[in-house]
Amino acid sequence: MQTQFTEDQLRDPGLHRANDILRACVHCGFCTATCPTYQVLGDELDSPRGRIYLIKDMLEQGRPADAKTVQHVDRCLSCLSCMSTCPSGVHYMHLVDLAREYIEETYQRPLSDRALRWLLARILPYPNRFRVAILGAWMARPFSRLLPGKLRALVEFAPPSLPPVSRNDDAQVFPAIGTRKQRIALMTGCAQKALNTDINDATIRILRRHGCEVVVAKGAGCCGALTHHMGKTGESHATAARNIHAWMAEIKGEGLDAIVVNTSGCGTTVKDYGHMFRSDALADDAATVAALTRDISEVLVGLDLPQGGAEPMQVTYHAACSLQHGQQIKTHPKTLLQRAGYQVREPADSHLCCGSAGTYNLLQPEIAGKLKARKQKTIAATRPEVIAAGNIGCMMQIGAGADVPVVHTVELLDWATGGPKPPALSRLG
């Protein structure tokens, strides 16, 4: 694609990166075949190719974002399926992130939209605030039908119950059981600590049993993805910087073999810290952290896990977009489940998004609802006894109204290799 940025514009690192990405696009349209929003809405401007044209025009002209561009960029899930499909290697993720930052700086959203985004940015990355907000949602649920669409989605998103706070999420060191083979920092996350404490507990158990010392670093918290994808760059970078400082203290101290993330949406962002901070004083440290970051499946596939210990069970594996497209990890979770002895299937539309996408199901509830209904239908067609996924957002999205339990992949692997039965399964008897 030809671009017409001026020399002055190209001195800006963001526009320089946008120019490189845009020039890689050859207009082929392969991305439209795998774009969930294009399939739902049928509008070219709600495909990656259409959004690229809108973003190109906005950035080249240097004009404030307009309502039309904002509408179509907002509808993007950032599922990154287009990046798996694109034969030209167009790095759409960096382009749409830049567009969102530009929109945040130049566009005045309606007051209700600004208020909702402000609320999400102040609640979701903070587990204690999130818990309080969920209590508020329970109180509002009897009146949810009277609320506007997005507020109703916010109330209905709240789970029916909350787990007790897990002290395993506090800053501490869990020694390896037996000989220490690796020293690993675990990112405990933010929303996950409020919604489902079983995931981190299972992660710590399985790593310790297989020779890993697990460190929960003091000062580490939210990865910054939630605010990053809303274009709130200052907030997201401040959050990410705290993680970088926390993990670098461990790296410079006793050292780390890996930084493990068990929420794939977070993992995709942390692995991109090097790019996010490329023009910052933290550039070198950010690149070091990004290079050490691993999804939990990447670490477990390299450990000598016992095989064949699982109870016979039909598991339908849901591949989170952030894992299969964002991190290009497509086989590890399935391989691990199969080695453990589970019977593994995938839905027919395994490459397509469930509609969760961070805050998307709260900001675009109508589209997210259609994607959720489709995903639940294709999963149900596999007749699962349990659904496994590697991302808390997907688990919440698919699990709402599902007929079978949804658990994290690591919970099933922990169970099959000597850990307890996942609580979500135990509750079924």
Protein backbone atom coordinates (compact mmCIF):
# COMPACT_ATOMS: atom_id res chain seq x y z
CA MET A 1 0.00 0.00 0.00
CA GLN A 2 1.32 3.43 -0.91
CA THR A 3 1.54 5.99 1.85
CA GLN A 4 2.04 9.74 1.80
CA PHE A 5 3.37 10.64 5.22
CA THR A 6 5.59 13.72 5.26
CA GLU A 7 9.17 13.64 6.48
CA ASP A 8 8.10 15.58 9.57
CA GLN A 9 5.41 13.00 10.33
CA LEU A 10 7.85 10.12 9.96
CA ARG A 11 10.06 11.56 12.67
CA ASP A 12 7.35 10.47 15.09
CA PRO A 13 8.15 6.85 16.15
CA GLY A 14 4.48 5.87 16.16
CA LEU A 15 3.77 7.19 12.67
CA HIS A 16 7.03 5.71 11.40
CA ARG A 17 5.87 2.30 12.67
CA ALA A 18 2.40 2.85 11.16
CA ASN A 19 3.98 3.68 7.81
CA ASP A 20 5.94 0.41 7.81
CA ILE A 21 2.83 -1.59 8.67
CA LEU A 22 0.64 0.12 6.07
CA ARG A 23 3.21 -0.37 3.32
CA ALA A 24 3.19 -4.12 4.01
CA CYS A 25 -0.54 -4.39 3.18
CA VAL A 26 -1.29 -5.50 -0.40
CA HIS A 27 -5.12 -5.15 -0.24
CA CYS A 28 -5.58 -8.92 -0.78
CA GLY A 29 -8.58 -9.20 1.55
CA PHE A 30 -7.63 -12.58 3.02
CA CYS A 31 -8.24 -11.02 6.43
CA THR A 32 -11.94 -10.55 5.73
CA ALA A 33 -12.48 -14.32 5.67
CA THR A 34 -11.39 -14.74 9.30
CA CYS A 35 -12.55 -11.45 10.83
CA PRO A 36 -15.37 -12.09 13.32
CA THR A 37 -16.88 -8.61 13.11
CA TYR A 38 -16.96 -8.71 9.31
CA GLN A 39 -18.75 -12.05 9.46
CA VAL A 40 -21.31 -10.68 11.91
CA LEU A 41 -21.82 -7.21 10.40
CA GLY A 42 -20.94 -7.73 6.72
CA ASP A 43 -19.46 -4.23 6.43
CA GLU A 44 -16.09 -3.83 4.70
CA LEU A 45 -15.22 -1.09 7.17
CA ASP A 46 -15.64 -3.64 9.96
CA SER A 47 -12.91 -5.81 8.48
CA PRO A 48 -9.15 -5.34 9.03
CA ARG A 49 -8.71 -4.10 5.46
CA GLY A 50 -11.46 -1.52 5.88
CA ARG A 51 -10.11 -0.33 9.19
CA ILE A 52 -6.63 -0.05 7.72
CA TYR A 53 -7.96 2.36 5.08
CA LEU A 54 -9.71 4.45 7.74
CA ILE A 55 -6.63 4.54 9.98
CA LYS A 56 -4.33 5.38 7.06
CA ASP A 57 -6.50 8.31 6.02
CA MET A 58 -6.78 9.63 9.58
CA LEU A 59 -3.07 9.40 10.36
CA GLU A 60 -1.81 10.68 7.02
CA GLN A 61 -4.01 13.75 7.17
CA GLY A 62 -3.15 14.32 10.82
CA ARG A 63 -6.76 15.24 11.47
CA PRO A 64 -8.73 14.53 14.64
CA ALA A 65 -10.54 11.21 14.60
CA ASP A 66 -14.13 11.40 13.35
CA ALA A 67 -17.16 9.48 14.57
CA LYS A 68 -17.15 7.09 11.61
CA THR A 69 -13.53 6.04 12.12
CA VAL A 70 -14.03 5.72 15.87
CA GLN A 71 -17.10 3.53 15.43
CA HIS A 72 -15.33 1.00 13.21
CA VAL A 73 -12.08 0.95 15.19
CA ASP A 74 -14.06 0.51 18.41
CA ARG A 75 -15.78 -2.50 16.89
CA CYS A 76 -12.45 -4.26 16.39
CA LEU A 77 -11.96 -7.09 18.88
CA SER A 78 -8.17 -7.11 18.56
CA CYS A 79 -8.56 -10.87 18.22
CA LEU A 80 -5.63 -10.74 15.74
CA SER A 81 -7.03 -13.55 13.62
CA CYS A 82 -6.15 -11.33 10.67
CA MET A 83 -2.47 -11.55 11.64
CA SER A 84 -2.59 -15.35 11.46
CA THR A 85 -4.25 -15.13 8.06
CA CYS A 86 -2.28 -12.30 6.43
CA PRO A 87 0.23 -13.59 3.83
CA SER A 88 2.12 -10.28 3.91
CA GLY A 89 2.83 -10.19 7.63
CA VAL A 90 0.92 -6.97 8.31
CA HIS A 91 1.31 -6.25 12.05
CA TYR A 92 -2.25 -5.11 12.55
CA MET A 93 -1.96 -5.20 16.37
CA HIS A 94 0.51 -2.34 16.53
CA LEU A 95 -1.47 -0.33 13.97
CA VAL A 96 -4.83 -0.58 15.73
CA ASP A 97 -3.21 0.11 19.11
CA LEU A 98 -1.70 3.30 17.67
CA ALA A 99 -5.09 4.25 16.20
CA ARG A 100 -6.75 3.82 19.58
CA GLU A 101 -4.16 6.02 21.25
CA TYR A 102 -4.66 8.65 18.54
CA ILE A 103 -8.44 8.47 18.97
CA GLU A 104 -8.12 8.89 22.74
CA GLU A 105 -6.02 12.03 22.18
CA THR A 106 -8.09 13.67 19.43
CA TYR A 107 -11.71 12.55 19.78
CA GLN A 108 -14.30 13.74 22.31
CA ARG A 109 -16.53 10.76 23.05
CA PRO A 110 -20.11 11.19 24.31
CA LEU A 111 -20.24 11.69 28.06
CA SER A 112 -21.81 8.29 28.76
CA ASP A 113 -19.07 6.53 26.78
CA ARG A 114 -16.32 8.51 28.51
CA ALA A 115 -17.83 7.73 31.90
CA LEU A 116 -18.04 3.99 31.21
CA ARG A 117 -14.45 3.82 29.98
CA TRP A 118 -13.26 5.82 32.97
CA LEU A 119 -15.13 3.44 35.26
CA LEU A 120 -13.67 0.32 33.66
CA ALA A 121 -10.14 1.72 33.81
CA ARG A 122 -10.59 2.50 37.52
CA ILE A 123 -12.11 -0.85 38.49
CA LEU A 124 -11.03 -3.84 36.40
CA PRO A 125 -7.24 -3.60 36.94
CA TYR A 126 -7.70 -3.44 40.73
CA PRO A 127 -8.92 -6.73 42.32
CA ASN A 128 -10.28 -5.21 45.54
CA ARG A 129 -12.19 -2.50 43.68
CA PHE A 130 -13.42 -5.13 41.24
CA ARG A 131 -14.81 -7.24 44.08
CA VAL A 132 -16.68 -4.24 45.48
CA ALA A 133 -18.04 -3.44 42.03
CA ILE A 134 -19.32 -7.00 41.65
CA LEU A 135 -21.17 -6.65 44.96
CA GLY A 136 -22.74 -3.49 43.57
CA ALA A 137 -23.72 -5.34 40.39
CA TRP A 138 -25.49 -8.00 42.42
CA MET A 139 -27.54 -5.29 44.12
CA ALA A 140 -28.43 -3.75 40.76
CA ARG A 141 -29.24 -7.03 39.00
CA PRO A 142 -33.00 -7.05 39.86
CA PHE A 143 -33.27 -3.72 38.03
CA SER A 144 -30.95 -4.57 35.11
CA ARG A 145 -33.75 -4.55 32.53
CA LEU A 146 -34.29 -0.88 33.24
CA LEU A 147 -30.64 0.01 32.53
CA PRO A 148 -29.18 1.18 29.18
CA GLY A 149 -27.51 -1.55 27.08
CA LYS A 150 -23.90 -1.09 28.17
CA LEU A 151 -24.72 -0.64 31.85
CA ARG A 152 -26.96 -3.70 31.66
CA ALA A 153 -24.06 -5.67 30.16
CA LEU A 154 -21.84 -4.47 33.01
CA VAL A 155 -24.32 -5.69 35.62
CA GLU A 156 -25.00 -9.00 33.86
CA PHE A 157 -21.25 -9.65 33.50
CA ALA A 158 -20.93 -10.09 37.27
CA PRO A 159 -20.53 -13.77 38.24
CA PRO A 160 -23.07 -15.36 40.59
CA SER A 161 -20.43 -15.82 43.30
CA LEU A 162 -16.92 -14.75 44.26
CA PRO A 163 -14.13 -16.93 45.67
CA PRO A 164 -12.39 -15.99 48.91
CA VAL A 165 -9.20 -13.99 48.50
CA SER A 166 -6.25 -16.33 47.96
CA ARG A 167 -3.19 -15.55 50.01
CA ASN A 168 -1.17 -17.36 47.33
CA ASP A 169 -1.50 -14.15 45.31
CA ASP A 170 0.47 -12.19 47.91
CA ALA A 171 4.12 -11.38 47.21
CA GLN A 172 6.17 -14.38 48.37
CA VAL A 173 8.36 -17.27 47.23
CA PHE A 174 7.09 -20.85 46.95
CA PRO A 175 10.01 -23.29 47.13
CA ALA A 176 10.28 -26.11 44.61
CA ILE A 177 9.32 -29.56 45.86
CA GLY A 178 12.48 -31.60 45.54
CA THR A 179 15.46 -30.36 43.55
CA ARG A 180 15.02 -26.86 42.15
CA LYS A 181 15.27 -26.92 38.36
CA GLN A 182 13.93 -23.46 37.51
CA ARG A 183 13.12 -20.19 39.22
CA ILE A 184 9.96 -18.70 37.77
CA ALA A 185 8.03 -15.50 38.44
CA LEU A 186 4.26 -15.93 38.23
CA MET A 187 2.16 -13.02 37.06
CA THR A 188 -0.94 -13.26 39.26
CA GLY A 189 -2.89 -10.69 37.24
CA CYS A 190 -5.72 -8.42 38.32
CA ALA A 191 -9.30 -9.34 37.35
CA GLN A 192 -8.41 -13.02 37.59
CA LYS A 193 -7.52 -12.62 41.28
CA ALA A 194 -11.07 -11.45 41.92
CA LEU A 195 -12.94 -13.81 39.61
CA ASN A 196 -11.13 -17.14 39.90
CA THR A 197 -8.38 -17.89 42.41
CA ASP A 198 -8.25 -21.57 41.42
CA ILE A 199 -6.11 -20.79 38.36
CA ASN A 200 -3.11 -19.32 40.16
CA ASP A 201 -3.39 -21.93 42.91
CA ALA A 202 -3.22 -24.75 40.34
CA THR A 203 -0.35 -23.06 38.51
CA ILE A 204 1.73 -22.78 41.68
CA ARG A 205 1.05 -26.40 42.64
CA ILE A 206 1.98 -27.96 39.31
CA LEU A 207 5.12 -25.87 38.90
CA ARG A 208 6.35 -26.63 42.42
CA ARG A 209 5.76 -30.37 42.02
CA HIS A 210 7.91 -30.36 38.91
CA GLY A 211 10.94 -28.59 40.30
CA CYS A 212 10.10 -24.92 39.92
CA GLU A 213 10.54 -22.28 42.58
CA VAL A 214 7.66 -19.87 42.07
CA VAL A 215 8.07 -16.18 42.85
CA VAL A 216 5.19 -13.74 43.22
CA ALA A 217 7.15 -10.51 42.87
CA LYS A 218 6.42 -7.56 45.13
CA GLY A 219 4.91 -4.69 43.15
CA ALA A 220 3.75 -6.69 40.14
CA GLY A 221 0.09 -6.44 39.17
CA CYS A 222 -2.06 -5.68 36.14
CA CYS A 223 -0.23 -6.06 32.82
CA GLY A 224 -1.76 -2.85 31.42
CA ALA A 225 -3.71 -4.52 28.60
CA LEU A 226 -7.14 -3.26 29.66
CA THR A 227 -6.18 0.41 29.51
CA HIS A 228 -3.76 -0.12 26.61
CA HIS A 229 -6.55 -1.35 24.37
CA MET A 230 -8.69 1.65 25.31
CA GLY A 231 -5.95 3.96 24.05
CA LYS A 232 -5.05 5.14 27.56
CA THR A 233 -1.32 4.86 26.96
CA GLY A 234 -0.16 6.84 29.97
CA GLU A 235 -2.11 4.62 32.36
CA SER A 236 -1.14 1.37 30.67
CA HIS A 237 2.56 2.26 30.57
CA ALA A 238 2.55 3.25 34.24
CA THR A 239 1.06 -0.12 35.14
CA ALA A 240 3.44 -2.02 32.88
CA ALA A 241 6.43 -0.10 34.26
CA ARG A 242 5.62 -1.33 37.77
CA ASN A 243 5.77 -4.90 36.51
CA ILE A 244 9.06 -4.28 34.74
CA HIS A 245 10.61 -2.84 37.90
CA ALA A 246 9.27 -5.71 40.02
CA TRP A 247 10.54 -8.46 37.73
CA MET A 248 13.87 -6.80 37.01
CA ALA A 249 14.50 -6.73 40.77
CA GLU A 250 14.14 -10.53 40.75
CA ILE A 251 16.23 -10.91 37.59
CA LYS A 252 19.05 -8.84 39.07
CA GLY A 253 18.70 -10.63 42.41
CA GLU A 254 18.53 -14.42 42.34
CA GLY A 255 17.65 -14.48 38.64
CA LEU A 256 14.65 -15.84 36.73
CA ASP A 257 14.37 -18.58 34.14
CA ALA A 258 10.97 -17.34 33.00
CA ILE A 259 8.07 -15.04 33.77
CA VAL A 260 4.96 -17.19 33.52
CA VAL A 261 1.56 -15.82 32.57
CA ASN A 262 -1.57 -17.98 32.76
CA THR A 263 -3.94 -15.42 31.24
CA SER A 264 -3.14 -15.30 27.54
CA GLY A 265 -4.52 -11.80 27.03
CA CYS A 266 -1.99 -10.55 29.56
CA GLY A 267 0.76 -12.68 28.06
CA THR A 268 0.33 -11.13 24.64
CA THR A 269 0.74 -7.66 26.14
CA VAL A 270 3.73 -8.50 28.37
CA LYS A 271 5.50 -10.12 25.42
CA ASP A 272 5.02 -6.80 23.61
CA TYR A 273 6.59 -4.67 26.36
CA GLY A 274 9.74 -4.32 24.28
CA HIS A 275 7.75 -2.57 21.55
CA MET A 276 5.63 -0.56 23.97
CA PHE A 277 8.73 0.91 25.66
CA ARG A 278 10.99 1.04 22.58
CA SER A 279 11.46 4.82 22.89
CA ASP A 280 11.54 4.90 26.68
CA ALA A 281 14.32 4.85 29.25
CA LEU A 282 13.01 1.42 30.24
CA ALA A 283 13.55 0.03 26.74
CA ASP A 284 16.29 -2.45 27.66
CA ASP A 285 14.57 -3.70 30.80
CA ALA A 286 11.25 -3.99 28.96
CA ALA A 287 12.89 -6.03 26.23
CA THR A 288 14.49 -8.30 28.84
CA VAL A 289 11.13 -8.90 30.54
CA ALA A 290 9.37 -9.54 27.23
CA ALA A 291 12.03 -12.06 26.17
CA LEU A 292 11.61 -14.02 29.43
CA THR A 293 7.80 -14.11 29.31
CA ARG A 294 6.14 -17.46 28.65
CA ASP A 295 2.59 -18.71 28.60
CA ILE A 296 2.09 -21.44 31.19
CA SER A 297 1.68 -24.00 28.39
CA GLU A 298 5.11 -23.09 27.00
CA VAL A 299 6.73 -23.89 30.35
CA LEU A 300 4.73 -27.05 31.06
CA VAL A 301 5.43 -28.57 27.66
CA GLY A 302 9.14 -28.39 28.51
CA LEU A 303 8.76 -30.12 31.89
CA ASP A 304 8.68 -33.87 32.39
CA LEU A 305 4.99 -34.13 33.29
CA PRO A 306 3.56 -37.59 34.06
CA GLN A 307 1.44 -38.89 31.19
CA GLY A 308 -1.86 -40.71 31.12
CA GLY A 309 -2.97 -39.87 34.65
CA ALA A 310 -6.24 -38.14 33.78
CA GLU A 311 -9.66 -39.58 34.43
CA PRO A 312 -11.35 -40.43 31.10
CA MET A 313 -13.10 -37.22 30.16
CA GLN A 314 -14.20 -35.47 27.00
CA VAL A 315 -12.56 -32.02 27.00
CA THR A 316 -13.41 -29.37 24.44
CA TYR A 317 -10.51 -26.97 24.17
CA HIS A 318 -11.30 -23.34 23.39
CA ALA A 319 -8.28 -21.61 21.85
CA ALA A 320 -8.16 -18.04 23.14
CA CYS A 321 -7.42 -15.57 20.34
CA SER A 322 -4.65 -13.94 22.37
CA LEU A 323 -2.92 -17.32 22.62
CA GLN A 324 -3.36 -18.73 19.11
CA HIS A 325 -3.15 -15.45 17.18
CA GLY A 326 -1.47 -13.02 19.56
CA GLN A 327 1.26 -15.42 20.69
CA GLN A 328 1.01 -17.99 17.90
CA ILE A 329 0.72 -20.83 20.44
CA LYS A 330 -1.61 -23.29 18.77
CA THR A 331 -0.66 -26.83 19.81
CA HIS A 332 0.91 -26.81 23.30
CA PRO A 333 -2.33 -26.79 25.35
CA LYS A 334 -3.91 -29.57 23.26
CA THR A 335 -0.70 -31.62 23.32
CA LEU A 336 -0.47 -31.33 27.10
CA LEU A 337 -4.12 -32.32 27.61
CA GLN A 338 -3.80 -35.30 25.28
CA ARG A 339 -0.58 -36.49 26.94
CA ALA A 340 -2.33 -36.25 30.29
CA GLY A 341 -4.96 -38.68 29.01
CA TYR A 342 -7.91 -36.45 28.18
CA GLN A 343 -9.96 -36.86 25.02
CA VAL A 344 -9.61 -33.48 23.33
CA ARG A 345 -11.83 -31.87 20.72
CA GLU A 346 -12.16 -28.37 19.33
CA PRO A 347 -15.20 -26.49 18.01
CA ALA A 348 -15.55 -26.10 14.26
CA ASP A 349 -14.90 -22.36 14.50
CA SER A 350 -11.86 -22.69 16.78
CA HIS A 351 -10.03 -19.87 14.98
CA LEU A 352 -12.77 -17.32 15.73
CA CYS A 353 -13.31 -15.12 18.78
CA CYS A 354 -15.86 -15.81 21.54
CA GLY A 355 -16.53 -12.08 21.93
CA SER A 356 -14.84 -11.51 25.28
CA ALA A 357 -11.73 -9.61 24.12
CA GLY A 358 -10.85 -7.78 27.34
CA THR A 359 -13.47 -5.08 27.84
CA TYR A 360 -15.12 -5.67 24.44
CA ASN A 361 -18.11 -7.58 25.83
CA LEU A 362 -18.79 -4.59 28.09
CA LEU A 363 -18.23 -1.87 25.47
CA GLN A 364 -19.79 -3.70 22.49
CA PRO A 365 -22.31 -6.03 24.18
CA GLU A 366 -24.53 -6.60 21.12
CA ILE A 367 -21.75 -7.85 18.84
CA ALA A 368 -20.11 -9.74 21.70
CA GLY A 369 -23.42 -11.45 22.45
CA LYS A 370 -23.73 -12.72 18.89
CA LEU A 371 -20.18 -14.06 18.92
CA LYS A 372 -20.77 -15.70 22.29
CA ALA A 373 -23.95 -17.43 21.10
CA ARG A 374 -22.18 -18.79 18.04
CA LYS A 375 -19.22 -20.03 20.06
CA GLN A 376 -21.42 -21.71 22.66
CA LYS A 377 -23.32 -23.46 19.87
CA THR A 378 -20.21 -24.82 18.15
CA ILE A 379 -18.74 -25.93 21.49
CA ALA A 380 -21.99 -27.69 22.44
CA ALA A 381 -21.85 -29.60 19.14
CA THR A 382 -18.69 -31.34 20.39
CA ARG A 383 -20.65 -32.72 23.38
CA PRO A 384 -18.05 -31.85 26.03
CA GLU A 385 -17.97 -32.96 29.64
CA VAL A 386 -15.79 -29.97 30.43
CA ILE A 387 -14.53 -26.93 28.51
CA ALA A 388 -10.89 -25.87 28.88
CA ALA A 389 -9.41 -22.48 28.01
CA GLY A 390 -6.29 -20.48 28.79
CA ASN A 391 -7.77 -17.03 29.37
CA ILE A 392 -10.06 -15.84 32.18
CA GLY A 393 -12.03 -13.53 29.88
CA CYS A 394 -12.93 -16.41 27.55
CA MET A 395 -13.82 -18.58 30.53
CA MET A 396 -16.25 -15.95 31.82
CA GLN A 397 -17.74 -15.30 28.39
CA ILE A 398 -18.28 -18.94 27.42
CA GLY A 399 -19.18 -20.07 30.93
CA ALA A 400 -22.12 -17.67 31.27
CA GLY A 401 -25.06 -19.93 30.48
CA ALA A 402 -22.96 -22.98 29.55
CA ASP A 403 -24.31 -26.41 30.46
CA VAL A 404 -20.91 -27.81 31.48
CA PRO A 405 -18.11 -26.37 33.65
CA VAL A 406 -15.40 -24.20 32.15
CA VAL A 407 -11.95 -24.53 33.72
CA HIS A 408 -8.45 -23.36 32.94
CA THR A 409 -6.24 -25.81 31.07
CA VAL A 410 -3.72 -25.73 33.93
CA GLU A 411 -6.38 -26.91 36.39
CA LEU A 412 -6.94 -30.10 34.38
CA LEU A 413 -3.20 -30.66 34.01
CA ASP A 414 -2.65 -30.11 37.74
CA TRP A 415 -5.38 -32.68 38.51
CA ALA A 416 -3.96 -35.24 36.08
CA THR A 417 -0.47 -34.94 37.55
CA GLY A 418 -1.24 -35.27 41.23
CA GLY A 419 -3.17 -32.16 42.19
CA PRO A 420 -6.75 -31.93 43.48
CA LYS A 421 -9.84 -32.12 41.32
CA PRO A 422 -10.71 -28.64 39.97
CA PRO A 423 -13.27 -27.03 42.27
CA ALA A 424 -15.57 -26.30 39.32
CA LEU A 425 -15.77 -30.06 38.69
CA SER A 426 -15.96 -31.01 42.36
CA ARG A 427 -19.06 -28.90 42.75
CA LEU A 428 -20.78 -31.18 40.25
CA GLY A 429 -20.06 -34.23 42.37
